[in-house]
Amino acid sequence: MNLPLNITPEAALASPVVELRQYTLKPGQRETLIALFDRQFVESQEASGMTVIGQFRDLDRPDMFVWLRGFDSMDARKDALTAFYGGPIWAAHRDAANATMIDSDDVLLLKPAWAGAGLDLSGAERAGSSFGEKPLRNKRLAGIVVIRIHHLRPGAEAGFIGRFEAEAAPVLTASGAPLLAAFVTEHAENSFPRLPVRASENVFVSVMSFENVDAHARHEAVLSASSGWQAFWQAVRQDLRRPTETLRLAPTSRSLLGYPVDVAGGKGLATGEVHTVG
């Protein structure tokens, strides 16, 4: 079991720049990509200067692979991606990876929504790598991660963030499922244009984890009965330009982010064309 190469136990707050990547795969190819990714693309990316935060099977879309990676800054992102995509591991395995994909351009570039809203990975460990401990082939970690993507109208970001931090986050914590992270769109220019991002999006993204699907369903029932939660959504409804997306995600055996990230201890936030990478 090991922390990522660029995270120390003393400073394990995950990156101020995060990519949320959703890949549409060819039918039946998800397990092929997961096996390749977990074997070849975890340590190799982290050696290039990024953090592979988590990789997941989408429970509701059998041909979707979702993952998160983080960077220390936009400049660090440019350097890390240049090193990885210009390096020998990607050159050796890119054709096999790209062969599983229909689309890899659904990418949101994010930053923490407020100070301290990033992911705290200090309690997280990753299962063994191909360079040491043998990985558990294609095994799912216990629990699920739930990511919600709220699509905001132009100009609504600041108000939505303020209300969510002050009103929604305490309700989530009181419900027994504290918020693990909250992100908003990073509007800085894409520092690695070779990989497209959804630059026109304006989103607020929340991250939570649950022991299992049933626990998540019970949590949703609790929120539905919460007057505070309903009041929050009534107040911010006009800020949303389309329905919220909910991603229910099962971590792969080598995902750093899963359940718990010390949830048991109460840790949460303080309150088209097919594109291949050449």
Protein backbone atom coordinates (compact mmCIF):
# COMPACT_ATOMS: atom_id res chain seq x y z
CA MET A 1 0.00 0.00 0.00
CA ASN A 2 1.44 3.37 -0.88
CA LEU A 3 0.70 7.06 -1.29
CA PRO A 4 1.22 8.53 -4.75
CA LEU A 5 4.77 9.43 -5.59
CA ASN A 6 4.20 13.18 -5.28
CA ILE A 7 2.17 13.15 -2.04
CA THR A 8 3.78 13.04 1.39
CA PRO A 9 1.96 12.13 4.61
CA GLU A 10 2.69 15.64 5.89
CA ALA A 11 1.13 17.43 2.90
CA ALA A 12 -1.58 15.37 1.28
CA LEU A 13 -4.11 18.00 0.26
CA ALA A 14 -4.90 17.17 -3.34
CA SER A 15 -4.18 19.50 -6.14
CA PRO A 16 -5.43 23.06 -6.71
CA VAL A 17 -6.02 22.16 -10.39
CA VAL A 18 -8.12 19.07 -11.12
CA GLU A 19 -9.35 17.40 -14.29
CA LEU A 20 -12.63 15.45 -14.23
CA ARG A 21 -12.41 13.17 -17.27
CA GLN A 22 -15.31 11.09 -18.65
CA TYR A 23 -14.49 8.67 -21.48
CA THR A 24 -17.08 7.05 -23.70
CA LEU A 25 -15.75 3.61 -24.59
CA LYS A 26 -16.51 1.07 -27.27
CA PRO A 27 -18.98 -1.57 -26.05
CA GLY A 28 -17.33 -4.15 -23.83
CA GLN A 29 -13.98 -2.35 -23.63
CA ARG A 30 -14.13 -0.83 -20.13
CA GLU A 31 -12.41 -3.70 -18.34
CA THR A 32 -9.68 -3.71 -21.00
CA LEU A 33 -8.96 -0.03 -20.42
CA ILE A 34 -9.11 -0.34 -16.63
CA ALA A 35 -6.61 -3.20 -16.63
CA LEU A 36 -4.25 -1.20 -18.86
CA PHE A 37 -4.72 2.04 -16.93
CA ASP A 38 -4.19 0.53 -13.49
CA ARG A 39 -1.13 -1.39 -14.67
CA GLN A 40 0.61 1.25 -16.79
CA PHE A 41 -0.78 4.76 -16.27
CA VAL A 42 -0.78 5.38 -12.51
CA GLU A 43 2.85 5.47 -11.39
CA SER A 44 3.98 6.71 -14.81
CA GLN A 45 1.75 9.80 -14.64
CA GLU A 46 2.68 10.52 -11.05
CA ALA A 47 6.37 10.26 -11.91
CA SER A 48 5.70 13.04 -14.43
CA GLY A 49 4.43 15.36 -11.70
CA MET A 50 0.66 14.87 -11.34
CA THR A 51 -1.62 13.00 -8.93
CA VAL A 52 -3.93 10.26 -10.18
CA ILE A 53 -6.73 10.92 -7.68
CA GLY A 54 -9.22 8.24 -8.67
CA GLN A 55 -10.45 6.04 -11.50
CA PHE A 56 -13.96 4.59 -11.65
CA ARG A 57 -16.60 2.48 -13.35
CA ASP A 58 -19.79 4.47 -13.87
CA LEU A 59 -22.55 2.36 -12.30
CA ASP A 60 -25.27 3.74 -14.59
CA ARG A 61 -23.35 3.81 -17.89
CA PRO A 62 -21.55 0.52 -18.62
CA ASP A 63 -19.34 2.00 -21.33
CA MET A 64 -18.12 5.02 -19.34
CA PHE A 65 -14.76 5.30 -17.60
CA VAL A 66 -14.39 8.29 -15.26
CA TRP A 67 -11.22 9.51 -13.61
CA LEU A 68 -9.67 12.47 -11.78
CA ARG A 69 -6.14 13.76 -11.83
CA GLY A 70 -4.62 16.78 -10.17
CA PHE A 71 -1.79 19.28 -10.58
CA ASP A 72 -0.03 21.86 -8.43
CA SER A 73 -0.75 24.72 -10.88
CA MET A 74 -1.61 25.38 -14.51
CA ASP A 75 2.09 25.66 -15.34
CA ALA A 76 2.79 22.41 -13.51
CA ARG A 77 -0.04 20.84 -15.52
CA LYS A 78 1.61 21.86 -18.78
CA ASP A 79 4.96 20.44 -17.67
CA ALA A 80 3.54 17.19 -16.32
CA LEU A 81 1.36 16.48 -19.34
CA THR A 82 4.20 17.33 -21.71
CA ALA A 83 6.46 14.89 -19.88
CA PHE A 84 3.92 12.07 -19.75
CA TYR A 85 2.50 12.30 -23.27
CA GLY A 86 6.00 12.75 -24.66
CA GLY A 87 7.36 9.85 -22.64
CA PRO A 88 7.96 6.16 -23.28
CA ILE A 89 5.02 4.68 -21.34
CA TRP A 90 2.38 6.59 -23.30
CA ALA A 91 4.22 5.92 -26.57
CA ALA A 92 4.20 2.19 -25.83
CA HIS A 93 0.54 1.94 -24.79
CA ARG A 94 -1.37 4.83 -26.41
CA ASP A 95 -2.61 2.78 -29.37
CA ALA A 96 -4.04 0.12 -27.06
CA ALA A 97 -5.68 2.77 -24.87
CA ASN A 98 -7.10 4.80 -27.76
CA ALA A 99 -8.44 1.61 -29.36
CA THR A 100 -10.92 1.24 -26.46
CA MET A 101 -12.36 4.76 -26.82
CA ILE A 102 -15.10 6.48 -28.77
CA ASP A 103 -14.61 9.88 -27.12
CA SER A 104 -12.13 11.23 -24.57
CA ASP A 105 -12.86 14.95 -24.83
CA ASP A 106 -15.45 15.28 -22.04
CA VAL A 107 -13.09 17.01 -19.63
CA LEU A 108 -13.82 19.63 -16.97
CA LEU A 109 -10.92 21.71 -15.68
CA LEU A 110 -11.60 22.55 -12.03
CA LYS A 111 -10.29 24.34 -8.93
CA PRO A 112 -11.43 24.22 -5.28
CA ALA A 113 -14.62 26.23 -4.77
CA TRP A 114 -13.29 27.91 -1.63
CA ALA A 115 -10.20 27.75 0.59
CA GLY A 116 -9.93 24.23 1.97
CA ALA A 117 -12.49 22.76 -0.45
CA GLY A 118 -10.00 20.46 -2.21
CA LEU A 119 -9.68 16.76 -1.55
CA ASP A 120 -7.72 15.73 1.53
CA LEU A 121 -5.95 12.48 0.63
CA SER A 122 -3.96 12.17 3.84
CA GLY A 123 -5.82 9.01 4.88
CA ALA A 124 -5.83 7.40 1.44
CA GLU A 125 -3.71 4.50 0.27
CA ARG A 126 -3.41 2.86 -3.11
CA ALA A 127 -3.29 -0.89 -3.66
CA GLY A 128 -0.06 -2.42 -4.92
CA SER A 129 1.49 -1.47 -8.22
CA SER A 130 2.96 -3.46 -11.07
CA PHE A 131 6.37 -2.49 -9.69
CA GLY A 132 5.82 -4.00 -6.26
CA GLU A 133 2.82 -5.52 -4.60
CA LYS A 134 0.65 -7.42 -7.11
CA PRO A 135 -2.55 -5.55 -7.99
CA LEU A 136 -5.94 -7.15 -7.46
CA ARG A 137 -6.95 -7.58 -11.08
CA ASN A 138 -10.11 -5.59 -11.91
CA LYS A 139 -11.40 -5.87 -8.33
CA ARG A 140 -13.74 -3.12 -7.12
CA LEU A 141 -13.05 -1.25 -3.93
CA ALA A 142 -15.81 -1.25 -1.36
CA GLY A 143 -18.11 1.73 -1.51
CA ILE A 144 -19.03 4.28 -4.15
CA VAL A 145 -18.08 7.86 -4.95
CA VAL A 146 -20.86 10.24 -5.97
CA ILE A 147 -19.99 13.30 -8.03
CA ARG A 148 -22.62 15.91 -8.80
CA ILE A 149 -22.13 18.42 -11.59
CA HIS A 150 -24.25 21.56 -11.26
CA HIS A 151 -24.39 23.62 -14.46
CA LEU A 152 -24.56 27.30 -13.52
CA ARG A 153 -25.84 30.30 -15.42
CA PRO A 154 -23.29 33.01 -16.28
CA GLY A 155 -22.69 35.24 -13.27
CA ALA A 156 -24.27 32.81 -10.79
CA GLU A 157 -21.07 31.16 -9.58
CA ALA A 158 -20.22 33.38 -6.59
CA GLY A 159 -23.74 33.35 -5.17
CA PHE A 160 -24.13 29.60 -5.60
CA ILE A 161 -20.77 28.90 -3.95
CA GLY A 162 -21.58 31.12 -0.98
CA ARG A 163 -24.96 29.52 -0.39
CA PHE A 164 -23.64 25.98 -0.84
CA GLU A 165 -20.81 26.49 1.65
CA ALA A 166 -23.04 28.22 4.21
CA GLU A 167 -26.29 26.30 3.81
CA ALA A 168 -25.88 23.00 1.93
CA ALA A 169 -22.55 21.71 3.29
CA PRO A 170 -23.73 21.78 6.95
CA VAL A 171 -26.88 19.86 5.99
CA LEU A 172 -24.74 17.20 4.28
CA THR A 173 -22.50 16.88 7.33
CA ALA A 174 -25.51 16.63 9.67
CA SER A 175 -26.93 13.87 7.47
CA GLY A 176 -23.86 11.71 8.18
CA ALA A 177 -22.29 12.02 4.73
CA PRO A 178 -19.86 14.94 4.83
CA LEU A 179 -18.76 16.66 1.66
CA LEU A 180 -15.29 15.48 0.58
CA ALA A 181 -14.60 18.25 -1.91
CA ALA A 182 -16.21 21.05 -3.90
CA PHE A 183 -14.88 22.44 -7.17
CA VAL A 184 -15.75 25.10 -9.72
CA THR A 185 -14.60 25.67 -13.28
CA GLU A 186 -11.01 26.79 -13.70
CA HIS A 187 -11.37 29.48 -16.37
CA ALA A 188 -7.65 29.90 -17.05
CA GLU A 189 -6.55 29.18 -20.60
CA ASN A 190 -5.90 25.49 -21.26
CA SER A 191 -2.18 25.14 -20.65
CA PHE A 192 -1.95 21.90 -22.69
CA PRO A 193 -4.16 22.48 -25.77
CA ARG A 194 -3.23 19.10 -27.20
CA LEU A 195 -5.90 17.78 -24.78
CA PRO A 196 -9.21 19.66 -25.15
CA VAL A 197 -11.30 20.74 -22.16
CA ARG A 198 -14.90 22.02 -21.98
CA ALA A 199 -13.76 25.63 -21.71
CA SER A 200 -17.24 27.16 -22.09
CA GLU A 201 -18.70 25.31 -19.10
CA ASN A 202 -19.50 27.00 -15.79
CA VAL A 203 -19.97 24.27 -13.18
CA PHE A 204 -19.98 23.54 -9.46
CA VAL A 205 -18.92 19.98 -8.65
CA SER A 206 -19.41 18.19 -5.32
CA VAL A 207 -17.70 14.95 -4.29
CA MET A 208 -18.99 12.52 -1.63
CA SER A 209 -18.51 8.84 -0.83
CA PHE A 210 -20.78 6.15 0.62
CA GLU A 211 -20.40 2.65 1.96
CA ASN A 212 -22.59 1.22 -0.79
CA VAL A 213 -25.45 2.01 -3.17
CA ASP A 214 -28.05 1.44 -0.46
CA ALA A 215 -26.32 3.90 1.86
CA HIS A 216 -26.41 6.50 -0.89
CA ALA A 217 -30.12 5.86 -1.46
CA ARG A 218 -30.83 6.28 2.26
CA HIS A 219 -28.87 9.52 2.24
CA GLU A 220 -30.95 10.84 -0.66
CA ALA A 221 -34.12 9.97 1.25
CA VAL A 222 -32.87 11.90 4.28
CA LEU A 223 -32.12 14.95 2.14
CA SER A 224 -35.54 14.77 0.50
CA ALA A 225 -37.09 15.07 3.96
CA SER A 226 -34.79 17.91 5.07
CA SER A 227 -36.40 21.35 5.15
CA GLY A 228 -32.94 22.97 5.09
CA TRP A 229 -31.97 21.07 1.95
CA GLN A 230 -35.23 21.90 0.21
CA ALA A 231 -34.90 25.56 1.14
CA PHE A 232 -31.40 25.68 -0.31
CA TRP A 233 -32.53 24.23 -3.64
CA GLN A 234 -35.48 26.57 -3.85
CA ALA A 235 -33.13 29.51 -3.35
CA VAL A 236 -30.59 28.45 -6.01
CA ARG A 237 -32.91 26.96 -8.62
CA GLN A 238 -32.67 30.06 -10.79
CA ASP A 239 -28.86 29.73 -10.81
CA LEU A 240 -28.98 26.45 -12.75
CA ARG A 241 -29.12 26.44 -16.52
CA ARG A 242 -29.83 22.72 -16.91
CA PRO A 243 -30.43 19.66 -14.71
CA THR A 244 -27.71 18.50 -12.36
CA GLU A 245 -25.73 15.43 -13.41
CA THR A 246 -25.16 12.71 -10.80
CA LEU A 247 -22.31 10.25 -11.35
CA ARG A 248 -22.43 7.10 -9.19
CA LEU A 249 -18.95 5.66 -9.43
CA ALA A 250 -17.32 2.40 -8.31
CA PRO A 251 -13.58 2.83 -7.69
CA THR A 252 -11.18 0.44 -9.40
CA SER A 253 -8.84 -1.60 -7.22
CA ARG A 254 -6.07 1.01 -7.61
CA SER A 255 -8.11 4.17 -7.16
CA LEU A 256 -6.77 6.45 -4.44
CA LEU A 257 -10.18 8.01 -3.86
CA GLY A 258 -12.84 5.61 -2.56
CA TYR A 259 -14.71 4.86 0.65
CA PRO A 260 -13.73 5.77 3.22
CA VAL A 261 -11.30 8.65 2.86
CA ASP A 262 -11.58 8.65 6.67
CA VAL A 263 -15.33 9.26 6.40
CA ALA A 264 -15.79 6.99 9.42
CA GLY A 265 -13.73 9.47 11.39
CA GLY A 266 -15.90 12.34 10.27
CA LYS A 267 -13.46 13.96 7.85
CA GLY A 268 -15.16 16.26 5.41
CA LEU A 269 -14.81 19.85 4.31
CA ALA A 270 -14.61 22.59 6.82
CA THR A 271 -17.53 24.56 6.54
CA GLY A 272 -18.68 13.75 -32.45
CA GLU A 273 -15.23 13.35 -33.77
CA VAL A 274 -13.15 10.72 -32.09
CA HIS A 275 -10.19 12.45 -30.46
CA THR A 276 -7.05 10.46 -29.78
CA VAL A 277 -3.92 11.69 -28.09
CA GLY A 278 -0.97 11.51 -30.43
